Amino acid sequence: MAGVDISETAIWKAKKYFLDMDFFCDDIERLGKYSEYKNIMFSELT
C-alpha cells in the first residue's frame, strides 16, 4: 500500500503515522508510474 500527494508536508506527516506504508510526493499527471498498485483512491481532487 502506498500514498501519493503533491504536498511534501502531507507526505512527511503521513510517514510519521504510517511507518509500514510507502509515500511518494508526486503530481497526478504522472500517476501512470504507480501502475503496479491495484487500487487508486483520490481525496480532495479539484
PDB file of N, CA and C in Angstrom:
ATOM      1  N   MET A   1       0.842  -1.165   0.000  1.00  0.00           N
ATOM      2  CA  MET A   1       0.000   0.000   0.000  1.00  0.00           C
ATOM      3  C   MET A   1       0.892   1.234   0.000  1.00  0.00           C
ATOM      4  N   ALA A   2       0.436   2.256  -0.700  1.00  0.00           N
ATOM      5  CA  ALA A   2       1.236   3.473  -0.803  1.00  0.00           C
ATOM      6  C   ALA A   2       0.335   4.687  -0.873  1.00  0.00           C
ATOM      7  N   GLY A   3       0.915   5.833  -0.609  1.00  0.00           N
ATOM      8  CA  GLY A   3       0.204   7.097  -0.723  1.00  0.00           C
ATOM      9  C   GLY A   3       0.986   8.058  -1.592  1.00  0.00           C
ATOM     10  N   VAL A   4       0.257   8.848  -2.365  1.00  0.00           N
ATOM     11  CA  VAL A   4       0.876   9.841  -3.237  1.00  0.00           C
ATOM     12  C   VAL A   4       0.182  11.175  -2.989  1.00  0.00           C
ATOM     13  N   ASP A   5       0.960  12.223  -2.849  1.00  0.00           N
ATOM     14  CA  ASP A   5       0.397  13.557  -2.652  1.00  0.00           C
ATOM     15  C   ASP A   5       1.343  14.569  -3.266  1.00  0.00           C
ATOM     16  N   ILE A   6       0.807  15.673  -3.706  1.00  0.00           N
ATOM     17  CA  ILE A   6       1.641  16.721  -4.284  1.00  0.00           C
ATOM     18  C   ILE A   6       2.355  17.527  -3.198  1.00  0.00           C
ATOM     19  N   SER A   7       1.848  17.450  -1.971  1.00  0.00           N
ATOM     20  CA  SER A   7       2.396  18.219  -0.857  1.00  0.00           C
ATOM     21  C   SER A   7       3.491  17.451  -0.114  1.00  0.00           C
ATOM     22  N   GLU A   8       4.679  18.007  -0.082  1.00  0.00           N
ATOM     23  CA  GLU A   8       5.772  17.379   0.667  1.00  0.00           C
ATOM     24  C   GLU A   8       5.455  17.335   2.158  1.00  0.00           C
ATOM     25  N   THR A   9       4.753  18.342   2.653  1.00  0.00           N
ATOM     26  CA  THR A   9       4.373  18.370   4.067  1.00  0.00           C
ATOM     27  C   THR A   9       3.413  17.233   4.391  1.00  0.00           C
ATOM     28  N   ALA A  10       2.437  16.998   3.527  1.00  0.00           N
ATOM     29  CA  ALA A  10       1.489  15.901   3.743  1.00  0.00           C
ATOM     30  C   ALA A  10       2.206  14.557   3.747  1.00  0.00           C
ATOM     31  N   ILE A  11       3.155  14.368   2.865  1.00  0.00           N
ATOM     32  CA  ILE A  11       3.917  13.118   2.808  1.00  0.00           C
ATOM     33  C   ILE A  11       4.737  12.955   4.075  1.00  0.00           C
ATOM     34  N   TRP A  12       5.373  14.004   4.520  1.00  0.00           N
ATOM     35  CA  TRP A  12       6.185  13.957   5.745  1.00  0.00           C
ATOM     36  C   TRP A  12       5.330  13.562   6.941  1.00  0.00           C
ATOM     37  N   LYS A  13       4.146  14.180   7.068  1.00  0.00           N
ATOM     38  CA  LYS A  13       3.250  13.858   8.182  1.00  0.00           C
ATOM     39  C   LYS A  13       2.754  12.420   8.100  1.00  0.00           C
ATOM     40  N   ALA A  14       2.393  11.968   6.925  1.00  0.00           N
ATOM     41  CA  ALA A  14       1.891  10.602   6.758  1.00  0.00           C
ATOM     42  C   ALA A  14       2.950   9.570   7.121  1.00  0.00           C
ATOM     43  N   LYS A  15       4.188   9.825   6.745  1.00  0.00           N
ATOM     44  CA  LYS A  15       5.275   8.891   7.061  1.00  0.00           C
ATOM     45  C   LYS A  15       5.483   8.747   8.563  1.00  0.00           C
ATOM     46  N   LYS A  16       5.174   9.791   9.332  1.00  0.00           N
ATOM     47  CA  LYS A  16       5.311   9.728  10.789  1.00  0.00           C
ATOM     48  C   LYS A  16       4.287   8.786  11.417  1.00  0.00           C
ATOM     49  N   TYR A  17       3.092   8.723  10.837  1.00  0.00           N
ATOM     50  CA  TYR A  17       1.997   7.952  11.432  1.00  0.00           C
ATOM     51  C   TYR A  17       1.828   6.551  10.846  1.00  0.00           C
ATOM     52  N   PHE A  18       2.258   6.346   9.630  1.00  0.00           N
ATOM     53  CA  PHE A  18       2.072   5.066   8.952  1.00  0.00           C
ATOM     54  C   PHE A  18       3.426   4.535   8.497  1.00  0.00           C
ATOM     55  N   LEU A  19       4.153   3.958   9.429  1.00  0.00           N
ATOM     56  CA  LEU A  19       5.535   3.536   9.182  1.00  0.00           C
ATOM     57  C   LEU A  19       5.652   2.382   8.195  1.00  0.00           C
ATOM     58  N   ASP A  20       4.590   1.578   8.056  1.00  0.00           N
ATOM     59  CA  ASP A  20       4.663   0.402   7.186  1.00  0.00           C
ATOM     60  C   ASP A  20       4.175   0.681   5.761  1.00  0.00           C
ATOM     61  N   MET A  21       3.921   1.932   5.433  1.00  0.00           N
ATOM     62  CA  MET A  21       3.463   2.288   4.089  1.00  0.00           C
ATOM     63  C   MET A  21       4.530   3.097   3.356  1.00  0.00           C
ATOM     64  N   ASP A  22       4.443   3.056   2.041  1.00  0.00           N
ATOM     65  CA  ASP A  22       5.309   3.877   1.196  1.00  0.00           C
ATOM     66  C   ASP A  22       4.547   5.138   0.798  1.00  0.00           C
ATOM     67  N   PHE A  23       5.222   6.262   0.791  1.00  0.00           N
ATOM     68  CA  PHE A  23       4.613   7.520   0.383  1.00  0.00           C
ATOM     69  C   PHE A  23       5.519   8.213  -0.618  1.00  0.00           C
ATOM     70  N   PHE A  24       4.896   8.826  -1.616  1.00  0.00           N
ATOM     71  CA  PHE A  24       5.636   9.496  -2.673  1.00  0.00           C
ATOM     72  C   PHE A  24       5.062  10.885  -2.896  1.00  0.00           C
ATOM     73  N   CYS A  25       5.912  11.853  -3.073  1.00  0.00           N
ATOM     74  CA  CYS A  25       5.491  13.199  -3.427  1.00  0.00           C
ATOM     75  C   CYS A  25       5.516  13.279  -4.950  1.00  0.00           C
ATOM     76  N   ASP A  26       4.326  13.449  -5.536  1.00  0.00           N
ATOM     77  CA  ASP A  26       4.245  13.438  -6.991  1.00  0.00           C
ATOM     78  C   ASP A  26       2.968  14.141  -7.434  1.00  0.00           C
ATOM     79  N   ASP A  27       2.830  14.337  -8.718  1.00  0.00           N
ATOM     80  CA  ASP A  27       1.689  15.006  -9.321  1.00  0.00           C
ATOM     81  C   ASP A  27       0.781  13.968  -9.977  1.00  0.00           C
ATOM     82  N   ILE A  28      -0.512  14.213  -9.999  1.00  0.00           N
ATOM     83  CA  ILE A  28      -1.470  13.276 -10.576  1.00  0.00           C
ATOM     84  C   ILE A  28      -1.201  13.030 -12.064  1.00  0.00           C
ATOM     85  N   GLU A  29      -0.568  13.965 -12.732  1.00  0.00           N
ATOM     86  CA  GLU A  29      -0.269  13.792 -14.149  1.00  0.00           C
ATOM     87  C   GLU A  29       0.743  12.675 -14.390  1.00  0.00           C
ATOM     88  N   ARG A  30       1.463  12.265 -13.372  1.00  0.00           N
ATOM     89  CA  ARG A  30       2.444  11.179 -13.508  1.00  0.00           C
ATOM     90  C   ARG A  30       1.968   9.911 -12.784  1.00  0.00           C
ATOM     91  N   LEU A  31       0.665   9.765 -12.642  1.00  0.00           N
ATOM     92  CA  LEU A  31       0.085   8.650 -11.910  1.00  0.00           C
ATOM     93  C   LEU A  31       0.390   7.294 -12.557  1.00  0.00           C
ATOM     94  N   GLY A  32       0.619   7.272 -13.849  1.00  0.00           N
ATOM     95  CA  GLY A  32       0.890   6.032 -14.562  1.00  0.00           C
ATOM     96  C   GLY A  32       2.089   5.261 -14.041  1.00  0.00           C
ATOM     97  N   LYS A  33       3.029   5.931 -13.422  1.00  0.00           N
ATOM     98  CA  LYS A  33       4.210   5.224 -12.921  1.00  0.00           C
ATOM     99  C   LYS A  33       3.916   4.404 -11.670  1.00  0.00           C
ATOM    100  N   TYR A  34       2.685   4.477 -11.157  1.00  0.00           N
ATOM    101  CA  TYR A  34       2.277   3.677  -9.998  1.00  0.00           C
ATOM    102  C   TYR A  34       1.325   2.559 -10.418  1.00  0.00           C
ATOM    103  N   SER A  35       1.455   2.088 -11.639  1.00  0.00           N
ATOM    104  CA  SER A  35       0.527   1.097 -12.192  1.00  0.00           C
ATOM    105  C   SER A  35       0.618  -0.271 -11.527  1.00  0.00           C
ATOM    106  N   GLU A  36       1.638  -0.521 -10.717  1.00  0.00           N
ATOM    107  CA  GLU A  36       1.726  -1.818 -10.039  1.00  0.00           C
ATOM    108  C   GLU A  36       0.698  -1.949  -8.919  1.00  0.00           C
ATOM    109  N   TYR A  37       0.073  -0.846  -8.530  1.00  0.00           N
ATOM    110  CA  TYR A  37      -0.949  -0.880  -7.482  1.00  0.00           C
ATOM    111  C   TYR A  37      -2.307  -1.196  -8.100  1.00  0.00           C
ATOM    112  N   LYS A  38      -3.082  -2.030  -7.419  1.00  0.00           N
ATOM    113  CA  LYS A  38      -4.372  -2.473  -7.949  1.00  0.00           C
ATOM    114  C   LYS A  38      -5.482  -1.445  -7.762  1.00  0.00           C
ATOM    115  N   ASN A  39      -5.392  -0.631  -6.745  1.00  0.00           N
ATOM    116  CA  ASN A  39      -6.420   0.369  -6.459  1.00  0.00           C
ATOM    117  C   ASN A  39      -5.782   1.730  -6.249  1.00  0.00           C
ATOM    118  N   ILE A  40      -6.461   2.736  -6.750  1.00  0.00           N
ATOM    119  CA  ILE A  40      -6.019   4.109  -6.549  1.00  0.00           C
ATOM    120  C   ILE A  40      -7.232   4.913  -6.099  1.00  0.00           C
ATOM    121  N   MET A  41      -7.110   5.590  -4.964  1.00  0.00           N
ATOM    122  CA  MET A  41      -8.206   6.406  -4.443  1.00  0.00           C
ATOM    123  C   MET A  41      -7.742   7.854  -4.363  1.00  0.00           C
ATOM    124  N   PHE A  42      -8.675   8.758  -4.575  1.00  0.00           N
ATOM    125  CA  PHE A  42      -8.368  10.184  -4.573  1.00  0.00           C
ATOM    126  C   PHE A  42      -9.153  10.889  -3.478  1.00  0.00           C
ATOM    127  N   SER A  43      -8.540  11.867  -2.860  1.00  0.00           N
ATOM    128  CA  SER A  43      -9.195  12.684  -1.850  1.00  0.00           C
ATOM    129  C   SER A  43      -8.933  14.147  -2.175  1.00  0.00           C
ATOM    130  N   GLU A  44      -9.956  14.954  -2.088  1.00  0.00           N
ATOM    131  CA  GLU A  44      -9.838  16.394  -2.317  1.00  0.00           C
ATOM    132  C   GLU A  44      -9.291  16.735  -3.697  1.00  0.00           C
ATOM    133  N   LEU A  45      -9.721  16.019  -4.699  1.00  0.00           N
ATOM    134  CA  LEU A  45      -9.304  16.282  -6.074  1.00  0.00           C
ATOM    135  C   LEU A  45     -10.181  17.389  -6.640  1.00  0.00           C
ATOM    136  N   THR A  46      -9.555  18.476  -7.071  1.00  0.00           N
ATOM    137  CA  THR A  46     -10.342  19.591  -7.612  1.00  0.00           C
ATOM    138  C   THR A  46      -9.922  19.922  -9.021  1.00  0.00           C
TER     139      THR A  46
END
